[in-house]
Amino acid sequence: MTNHRILIISLAGFLIFGLLLGGKVVYQKKWVDVSILSQSQQIPGVVSAKLEDNNSLKEMVVVTDQLTNLRQASITLIKVANNVPIRFVDHRNDSLEKLFGQIQFALQEGIARGNFTEMAQNVRIQAEKEGVQLELEMDSDAIYVILNQGQAQLIEVIERNGQGQFLSSEKE
């Protein structure tokens, strides 16, 4: 008789556990992802945003198209992401990637030395030489870089203190 009770209690426990786990998955997919998508789509230039698992680590992937005001968009996305790192997916081309690699020297030197005015001037000069439009902003947390060339756009947030809120951007 006691073995029969233990079996029934165990089955009921597994059933409840399965229902709770299934409910969590449905909640995550239906409400949290929809909430993130709807809040992020209110940001001009954001096409979509969703939570993804990348090697068992969660990240918020934000697909963009002609994003403007990266600093404000990033601040809003940090609130939406709820401590999940953010990765932008943009429409970069090879020449923008090459230019970004070249301006990295000035950006990193600016962060290391604190000579941000000189950094901004150097980056602007390099972008102008390549015929690329540059949007460069900064706050106490990061440097926000947007490079535009025709329909191509490269977006990058370079954290100044290594907070881990932003991951390297990728090409769509």
C-alpha atoms as a PDB file:
ATOM      1  CA  MET A   1       0.000   0.000   0.000  1.00  0.00           C
ATOM      2  CA  THR A   2       2.770   2.486   0.865  1.00  0.00           C
ATOM      3  CA  ASN A   3       4.587   1.656  -2.378  1.00  0.00           C
ATOM      4  CA  HIS A   4       1.410   2.477  -4.270  1.00  0.00           C
ATOM      5  CA  ARG A   5       1.115   5.870  -2.492  1.00  0.00           C
ATOM      6  CA  ILE A   6       4.773   6.696  -3.155  1.00  0.00           C
ATOM      7  CA  LEU A   7       4.295   5.862  -6.838  1.00  0.00           C
ATOM      8  CA  ILE A   8       1.208   8.086  -7.115  1.00  0.00           C
ATOM      9  CA  ILE A   9       2.895  10.963  -5.238  1.00  0.00           C
ATOM     10  CA  SER A  10       5.999  10.647  -7.456  1.00  0.00           C
ATOM     11  CA  LEU A  11       3.912  10.668 -10.644  1.00  0.00           C
ATOM     12  CA  ALA A  12       1.957  13.689  -9.411  1.00  0.00           C
ATOM     13  CA  GLY A  13       5.242  15.456  -8.584  1.00  0.00           C
ATOM     14  CA  PHE A  14       6.667  14.764 -12.052  1.00  0.00           C
ATOM     15  CA  LEU A  15       3.433  15.922 -13.656  1.00  0.00           C
ATOM     16  CA  ILE A  16       3.433  19.187 -11.686  1.00  0.00           C
ATOM     17  CA  PHE A  17       7.121  19.739 -12.467  1.00  0.00           C
ATOM     18  CA  GLY A  18       6.456  19.186 -16.185  1.00  0.00           C
ATOM     19  CA  LEU A  19       3.529  21.607 -16.150  1.00  0.00           C
ATOM     20  CA  LEU A  20       5.581  24.271 -14.380  1.00  0.00           C
ATOM     21  CA  LEU A  21       8.502  23.843 -16.773  1.00  0.00           C
ATOM     22  CA  GLY A  22       6.177  23.967 -19.782  1.00  0.00           C
ATOM     23  CA  GLY A  23       4.476  27.055 -18.378  1.00  0.00           C
ATOM     24  CA  LYS A  24       7.831  28.765 -17.976  1.00  0.00           C
ATOM     25  CA  VAL A  25       8.770  28.021 -21.602  1.00  0.00           C
ATOM     26  CA  VAL A  26       5.421  29.281 -22.893  1.00  0.00           C
ATOM     27  CA  TYR A  27       5.703  32.422 -20.749  1.00  0.00           C
ATOM     28  CA  GLN A  28       9.246  33.069 -21.992  1.00  0.00           C
ATOM     29  CA  LYS A  29       8.337  32.624 -25.658  1.00  0.00           C
ATOM     30  CA  LYS A  30       4.950  34.292 -25.710  1.00  0.00           C
ATOM     31  CA  TRP A  31       5.093  37.160 -23.245  1.00  0.00           C
ATOM     32  CA  VAL A  32       8.746  38.070 -22.582  1.00  0.00           C
ATOM     33  CA  ASP A  33       9.859  37.844 -26.234  1.00  0.00           C
ATOM     34  CA  VAL A  34       6.758  39.719 -27.430  1.00  0.00           C
ATOM     35  CA  SER A  35       7.337  42.398 -24.785  1.00  0.00           C
ATOM     36  CA  ILE A  36      10.977  42.834 -25.825  1.00  0.00           C
ATOM     37  CA  LEU A  37      10.006  42.988 -29.499  1.00  0.00           C
ATOM     38  CA  SER A  38       7.243  45.538 -28.989  1.00  0.00           C
ATOM     39  CA  GLN A  39       9.342  47.791 -26.729  1.00  0.00           C
ATOM     40  CA  SER A  40      12.377  47.669 -29.023  1.00  0.00           C
ATOM     41  CA  GLN A  41      10.397  48.361 -32.198  1.00  0.00           C
ATOM     42  CA  GLN A  42       9.438  51.737 -30.773  1.00  0.00           C
ATOM     43  CA  ILE A  43      13.093  52.772 -31.254  1.00  0.00           C
ATOM     44  CA  PRO A  44      13.631  54.315 -34.712  1.00  0.00           C
ATOM     45  CA  GLY A  45      15.918  52.073 -36.777  1.00  0.00           C
ATOM     46  CA  VAL A  46      15.339  48.875 -34.778  1.00  0.00           C
ATOM     47  CA  VAL A  47      13.754  46.170 -36.925  1.00  0.00           C
ATOM     48  CA  SER A  48      13.584  43.400 -34.332  1.00  0.00           C
ATOM     49  CA  ALA A  49      14.981  42.241 -31.014  1.00  0.00           C
ATOM     50  CA  LYS A  50      14.890  38.824 -29.414  1.00  0.00           C
ATOM     51  CA  LEU A  51      16.604  36.778 -26.746  1.00  0.00           C
ATOM     52  CA  GLU A  52      18.836  33.999 -28.038  1.00  0.00           C
ATOM     53  CA  ASP A  53      21.028  31.334 -26.491  1.00  0.00           C
ATOM     54  CA  ASN A  54      24.591  31.476 -27.817  1.00  0.00           C
ATOM     55  CA  ASN A  55      26.709  28.643 -26.388  1.00  0.00           C
ATOM     56  CA  SER A  56      24.369  28.429 -23.381  1.00  0.00           C
ATOM     57  CA  LEU A  57      24.736  32.183 -22.724  1.00  0.00           C
ATOM     58  CA  LYS A  58      21.729  34.455 -23.223  1.00  0.00           C
ATOM     59  CA  GLU A  59      22.064  37.539 -25.398  1.00  0.00           C
ATOM     60  CA  MET A  60      19.641  40.022 -26.896  1.00  0.00           C
ATOM     61  CA  VAL A  61      20.098  40.251 -30.671  1.00  0.00           C
ATOM     62  CA  VAL A  62      18.935  43.581 -32.104  1.00  0.00           C
ATOM     63  CA  VAL A  63      18.553  43.797 -35.894  1.00  0.00           C
ATOM     64  CA  THR A  64      18.839  47.364 -37.166  1.00  0.00           C
ATOM     65  CA  ASP A  65      18.226  49.272 -40.372  1.00  0.00           C
ATOM     66  CA  GLN A  66      19.486  52.859 -40.633  1.00  0.00           C
ATOM     67  CA  LEU A  67      19.600  53.430 -36.893  1.00  0.00           C
ATOM     68  CA  THR A  68      20.142  56.970 -35.657  1.00  0.00           C
ATOM     69  CA  ASN A  69      20.923  58.198 -32.150  1.00  0.00           C
ATOM     70  CA  LEU A  70      22.725  55.047 -31.030  1.00  0.00           C
ATOM     71  CA  ARG A  71      23.323  56.392 -27.533  1.00  0.00           C
ATOM     72  CA  GLN A  72      19.618  56.872 -26.782  1.00  0.00           C
ATOM     73  CA  ALA A  73      18.711  53.565 -28.445  1.00  0.00           C
ATOM     74  CA  SER A  74      21.337  51.779 -26.328  1.00  0.00           C
ATOM     75  CA  ILE A  75      20.068  53.299 -23.094  1.00  0.00           C
ATOM     76  CA  THR A  76      16.522  52.175 -23.912  1.00  0.00           C
ATOM     77  CA  LEU A  77      17.674  48.677 -24.926  1.00  0.00           C
ATOM     78  CA  ILE A  78      19.642  48.238 -21.690  1.00  0.00           C
ATOM     79  CA  LYS A  79      16.399  48.787 -19.745  1.00  0.00           C
ATOM     80  CA  VAL A  80      14.530  46.317 -21.979  1.00  0.00           C
ATOM     81  CA  ALA A  81      17.322  43.694 -21.893  1.00  0.00           C
ATOM     82  CA  ASN A  82      17.253  43.359 -18.098  1.00  0.00           C
ATOM     83  CA  ASN A  83      20.985  42.569 -17.612  1.00  0.00           C
ATOM     84  CA  VAL A  84      21.299  40.444 -20.766  1.00  0.00           C
ATOM     85  CA  PRO A  85      24.187  41.489 -23.084  1.00  0.00           C
ATOM     86  CA  ILE A  86      23.111  43.189 -26.316  1.00  0.00           C
ATOM     87  CA  ARG A  87      24.445  42.393 -29.796  1.00  0.00           C
ATOM     88  CA  PHE A  88      23.584  44.695 -32.712  1.00  0.00           C
ATOM     89  CA  VAL A  89      23.182  43.203 -36.186  1.00  0.00           C
ATOM     90  CA  ASP A  90      23.780  45.842 -38.870  1.00  0.00           C
ATOM     91  CA  HIS A  91      24.221  46.226 -42.639  1.00  0.00           C
ATOM     92  CA  ARG A  92      27.983  46.798 -42.845  1.00  0.00           C
ATOM     93  CA  ASN A  93      30.144  46.408 -45.902  1.00  0.00           C
ATOM     94  CA  ASP A  94      33.843  45.617 -46.307  1.00  0.00           C
ATOM     95  CA  SER A  95      34.980  49.236 -46.595  1.00  0.00           C
ATOM     96  CA  LEU A  96      33.143  50.185 -43.374  1.00  0.00           C
ATOM     97  CA  GLU A  97      34.723  47.225 -41.563  1.00  0.00           C
ATOM     98  CA  LYS A  98      38.142  48.269 -42.830  1.00  0.00           C
ATOM     99  CA  LEU A  99      37.613  51.879 -41.721  1.00  0.00           C
ATOM    100  CA  PHE A 100      36.371  50.742 -38.309  1.00  0.00           C
ATOM    101  CA  GLY A 101      39.508  48.649 -37.914  1.00  0.00           C
ATOM    102  CA  GLN A 102      41.604  51.730 -38.688  1.00  0.00           C
ATOM    103  CA  ILE A 103      39.789  54.059 -36.291  1.00  0.00           C
ATOM    104  CA  GLN A 104      40.055  51.503 -33.479  1.00  0.00           C
ATOM    105  CA  PHE A 105      43.558  52.837 -32.768  1.00  0.00           C
ATOM    106  CA  ALA A 106      42.241  56.335 -32.078  1.00  0.00           C
ATOM    107  CA  LEU A 107      39.218  55.026 -30.131  1.00  0.00           C
ATOM    108  CA  GLN A 108      41.258  52.757 -27.867  1.00  0.00           C
ATOM    109  CA  GLU A 109      43.922  55.424 -27.357  1.00  0.00           C
ATOM    110  CA  GLY A 110      41.207  57.887 -26.387  1.00  0.00           C
ATOM    111  CA  ILE A 111      39.854  55.463 -23.807  1.00  0.00           C
ATOM    112  CA  ALA A 112      43.305  54.630 -22.430  1.00  0.00           C
ATOM    113  CA  ARG A 113      44.641  58.189 -22.277  1.00  0.00           C
ATOM    114  CA  GLY A 114      41.426  60.106 -21.792  1.00  0.00           C
ATOM    115  CA  ASN A 115      42.124  62.444 -24.735  1.00  0.00           C
ATOM    116  CA  PHE A 116      38.633  62.206 -26.168  1.00  0.00           C
ATOM    117  CA  THR A 117      38.641  65.507 -28.062  1.00  0.00           C
ATOM    118  CA  GLU A 118      41.742  64.486 -30.000  1.00  0.00           C
ATOM    119  CA  MET A 119      40.257  61.028 -30.544  1.00  0.00           C
ATOM    120  CA  ALA A 120      37.060  62.485 -31.995  1.00  0.00           C
ATOM    121  CA  GLN A 121      39.034  64.756 -34.355  1.00  0.00           C
ATOM    122  CA  ASN A 122      41.206  61.874 -35.601  1.00  0.00           C
ATOM    123  CA  VAL A 123      38.207  59.616 -36.174  1.00  0.00           C
ATOM    124  CA  ARG A 124      36.303  62.354 -38.033  1.00  0.00           C
ATOM    125  CA  ILE A 125      39.297  63.077 -40.294  1.00  0.00           C
ATOM    126  CA  GLN A 126      39.685  59.378 -41.173  1.00  0.00           C
ATOM    127  CA  ALA A 127      35.956  59.016 -41.907  1.00  0.00           C
ATOM    128  CA  GLU A 128      35.920  62.131 -44.108  1.00  0.00           C
ATOM    129  CA  LYS A 129      38.948  60.855 -46.078  1.00  0.00           C
ATOM    130  CA  GLU A 130      37.017  57.658 -46.836  1.00  0.00           C
ATOM    131  CA  GLY A 131      33.798  59.503 -47.715  1.00  0.00           C
ATOM    132  CA  VAL A 132      31.924  57.966 -44.804  1.00  0.00           C
ATOM    133  CA  GLN A 133      29.390  59.750 -42.620  1.00  0.00           C
ATOM    134  CA  LEU A 134      30.237  59.422 -38.938  1.00  0.00           C
ATOM    135  CA  GLU A 135      27.966  59.689 -35.923  1.00  0.00           C
ATOM    136  CA  LEU A 136      30.119  59.676 -32.795  1.00  0.00           C
ATOM    137  CA  GLU A 137      28.752  60.104 -29.277  1.00  0.00           C
ATOM    138  CA  MET A 138      30.061  59.353 -25.830  1.00  0.00           C
ATOM    139  CA  ASP A 139      28.884  59.183 -22.243  1.00  0.00           C
ATOM    140  CA  SER A 140      30.453  57.950 -19.018  1.00  0.00           C
ATOM    141  CA  ASP A 141      29.813  54.309 -19.993  1.00  0.00           C
ATOM    142  CA  ALA A 142      30.608  53.963 -23.693  1.00  0.00           C
ATOM    143  CA  ILE A 143      31.559  55.421 -27.058  1.00  0.00           C
ATOM    144  CA  TYR A 144      28.817  55.067 -29.684  1.00  0.00           C
ATOM    145  CA  VAL A 145      29.936  54.797 -33.307  1.00  0.00           C
ATOM    146  CA  ILE A 146      27.767  54.752 -36.422  1.00  0.00           C
ATOM    147  CA  LEU A 147      29.436  54.682 -39.848  1.00  0.00           C
ATOM    148  CA  ASN A 148      27.170  55.272 -42.867  1.00  0.00           C
ATOM    149  CA  GLN A 149      28.055  54.763 -46.519  1.00  0.00           C
ATOM    150  CA  GLY A 150      25.045  54.723 -48.828  1.00  0.00           C
ATOM    151  CA  GLN A 151      22.712  51.982 -47.607  1.00  0.00           C
ATOM    152  CA  ALA A 152      25.502  50.312 -45.597  1.00  0.00           C
ATOM    153  CA  GLN A 153      25.742  51.018 -41.884  1.00  0.00           C
ATOM    154  CA  LEU A 154      28.156  49.838 -39.200  1.00  0.00           C
ATOM    155  CA  ILE A 155      27.105  50.149 -35.562  1.00  0.00           C
ATOM    156  CA  GLU A 156      29.398  49.603 -32.606  1.00  0.00           C
ATOM    157  CA  VAL A 157      29.191  50.368 -28.890  1.00  0.00           C
ATOM    158  CA  ILE A 158      32.614  50.424 -27.250  1.00  0.00           C
ATOM    159  CA  GLU A 159      32.314  50.202 -23.497  1.00  0.00           C
ATOM    160  CA  ARG A 160      34.773  52.333 -21.573  1.00  0.00           C
ATOM    161  CA  ASN A 161      34.762  50.312 -18.351  1.00  0.00           C
ATOM    162  CA  GLY A 162      34.114  46.768 -19.602  1.00  0.00           C
ATOM    163  CA  GLN A 163      30.629  46.462 -18.118  1.00  0.00           C
ATOM    164  CA  GLY A 164      29.708  43.606 -20.492  1.00  0.00           C
ATOM    165  CA  GLN A 165      26.395  45.144 -21.541  1.00  0.00           C
ATOM    166  CA  PHE A 166      27.290  45.126 -25.248  1.00  0.00           C
ATOM    167  CA  LEU A 167      28.825  42.434 -27.429  1.00  0.00           C
ATOM    168  CA  SER A 168      30.605  43.015 -30.738  1.00  0.00           C
ATOM    169  CA  SER A 169      28.191  43.875 -33.515  1.00  0.00           C
ATOM    170  CA  GLU A 170      27.721  41.550 -36.473  1.00  0.00           C
ATOM    171  CA  LYS A 171      26.843  41.810 -40.138  1.00  0.00           C
ATOM    172  CA  GLU A 172      23.369  40.688 -41.139  1.00  0.00           C
END
